[in-house]
Amino acid sequence: MHEEHGEEHHGFGGRCWREGHHGYGQFTRRFLTKEEKIKKLEEYTQELKNELAAVQERIKELKAK
């Protein structure tokens, strides 16, 4: 991850939300709109909920042994 770009560049979960990440002179800036940011965060929230459910299920399985 490119630390100098910070969270606004890479977003949550380390995903690159910008296009044109090809190298010097070929970088196309594209910033997310408010609506796009909200959609990405909602999707990320669902991913976290799914992960939490899987972890809770695994804990349940381990306790049952």
C-alpha atoms as a PDB file:
ATOM      1  CA  MET A   1       0.000   0.000   0.000  1.00  0.00           C
ATOM      2  CA  HIS A   2       1.190   3.509  -0.713  1.00  0.00           C
ATOM      3  CA  GLU A   3       1.413   5.090   2.734  1.00  0.00           C
ATOM      4  CA  GLU A   4       1.839   8.602   1.367  1.00  0.00           C
ATOM      5  CA  HIS A   5      -1.628   8.499  -0.190  1.00  0.00           C
ATOM      6  CA  GLY A   6      -3.333   7.649   3.098  1.00  0.00           C
ATOM      7  CA  GLU A   7      -6.816   6.337   3.810  1.00  0.00           C
ATOM      8  CA  GLU A   8      -8.535   8.659   1.346  1.00  0.00           C
ATOM      9  CA  HIS A   9      -6.598   6.977  -1.452  1.00  0.00           C
ATOM     10  CA  HIS A  10      -6.808   3.331  -0.470  1.00  0.00           C
ATOM     11  CA  GLY A  11      -9.937   3.376   1.627  1.00  0.00           C
ATOM     12  CA  PHE A  12     -10.964   0.758   4.102  1.00  0.00           C
ATOM     13  CA  GLY A  13      -9.696  -2.770   3.695  1.00  0.00           C
ATOM     14  CA  GLY A  14      -6.707  -1.654   1.595  1.00  0.00           C
ATOM     15  CA  ARG A  15      -8.635  -1.498  -1.664  1.00  0.00           C
ATOM     16  CA  CYS A  16      -7.530   0.974  -4.284  1.00  0.00           C
ATOM     17  CA  TRP A  17     -10.576   2.945  -5.394  1.00  0.00           C
ATOM     18  CA  ARG A  18      -8.800   5.016  -8.015  1.00  0.00           C
ATOM     19  CA  GLU A  19      -8.324   4.111 -11.626  1.00  0.00           C
ATOM     20  CA  GLY A  20      -5.168   4.417 -13.700  1.00  0.00           C
ATOM     21  CA  HIS A  21      -2.642   3.221 -11.132  1.00  0.00           C
ATOM     22  CA  HIS A  22      -0.066   2.417 -13.826  1.00  0.00           C
ATOM     23  CA  GLY A  23       3.052   4.377 -13.008  1.00  0.00           C
ATOM     24  CA  TYR A  24       4.686   7.749 -13.420  1.00  0.00           C
ATOM     25  CA  GLY A  25       2.929   9.994 -15.910  1.00  0.00           C
ATOM     26  CA  GLN A  26       0.023   7.585 -16.338  1.00  0.00           C
ATOM     27  CA  PHE A  27      -1.872   8.272 -13.117  1.00  0.00           C
ATOM     28  CA  THR A  28      -5.490   9.313 -13.633  1.00  0.00           C
ATOM     29  CA  ARG A  29      -6.984  10.981 -10.591  1.00  0.00           C
ATOM     30  CA  ARG A  30     -10.513   9.942  -9.753  1.00  0.00           C
ATOM     31  CA  PHE A  31     -12.002  10.895  -6.432  1.00  0.00           C
ATOM     32  CA  LEU A  32     -15.125   9.244  -5.097  1.00  0.00           C
ATOM     33  CA  THR A  33     -18.339  11.152  -4.748  1.00  0.00           C
ATOM     34  CA  LYS A  34     -20.134  11.200  -1.415  1.00  0.00           C
ATOM     35  CA  GLU A  35     -22.591   8.615  -2.720  1.00  0.00           C
ATOM     36  CA  GLU A  36     -19.779   6.331  -3.932  1.00  0.00           C
ATOM     37  CA  LYS A  37     -18.051   6.562  -0.555  1.00  0.00           C
ATOM     38  CA  ILE A  38     -21.293   5.673   1.227  1.00  0.00           C
ATOM     39  CA  LYS A  39     -21.866   2.689  -1.081  1.00  0.00           C
ATOM     40  CA  LYS A  40     -18.297   1.427  -0.569  1.00  0.00           C
ATOM     41  CA  LEU A  41     -18.604   1.775   3.209  1.00  0.00           C
ATOM     42  CA  GLU A  42     -21.947  -0.031   3.213  1.00  0.00           C
ATOM     43  CA  GLU A  43     -20.418  -2.877   1.186  1.00  0.00           C
ATOM     44  CA  TYR A  44     -17.462  -3.010   3.565  1.00  0.00           C
ATOM     45  CA  THR A  45     -19.854  -3.100   6.537  1.00  0.00           C
ATOM     46  CA  GLN A  46     -21.571  -6.148   5.046  1.00  0.00           C
ATOM     47  CA  GLU A  47     -18.216  -7.853   4.478  1.00  0.00           C
ATOM     48  CA  LEU A  48     -17.329  -7.275   8.136  1.00  0.00           C
ATOM     49  CA  LYS A  49     -20.697  -8.643   9.281  1.00  0.00           C
ATOM     50  CA  ASN A  50     -20.163 -11.770   7.180  1.00  0.00           C
ATOM     51  CA  GLU A  51     -16.677 -12.222   8.632  1.00  0.00           C
ATOM     52  CA  LEU A  52     -17.977 -11.753  12.163  1.00  0.00           C
ATOM     53  CA  ALA A  53     -20.683 -14.367  11.581  1.00  0.00           C
ATOM     54  CA  ALA A  54     -18.079 -16.844  10.334  1.00  0.00           C
ATOM     55  CA  VAL A  55     -15.861 -16.243  13.375  1.00  0.00           C
ATOM     56  CA  GLN A  56     -18.799 -16.621  15.748  1.00  0.00           C
ATOM     57  CA  GLU A  57     -19.784 -19.881  14.052  1.00  0.00           C
ATOM     58  CA  ARG A  58     -16.232 -21.198  14.417  1.00  0.00           C
ATOM     59  CA  ILE A  59     -16.190 -20.302  18.110  1.00  0.00           C
ATOM     60  CA  LYS A  60     -19.500 -22.119  18.526  1.00  0.00           C
ATOM     61  CA  GLU A  61     -18.061 -25.209  16.808  1.00  0.00           C
ATOM     62  CA  LEU A  62     -14.969 -25.187  19.014  1.00  0.00           C
ATOM     63  CA  LYS A  63     -17.028 -24.873  22.202  1.00  0.00           C
ATOM     64  CA  ALA A  64     -19.200 -27.828  21.155  1.00  0.00           C
ATOM     65  CA  LYS A  65     -16.183 -30.183  21.000  1.00  0.00           C
END
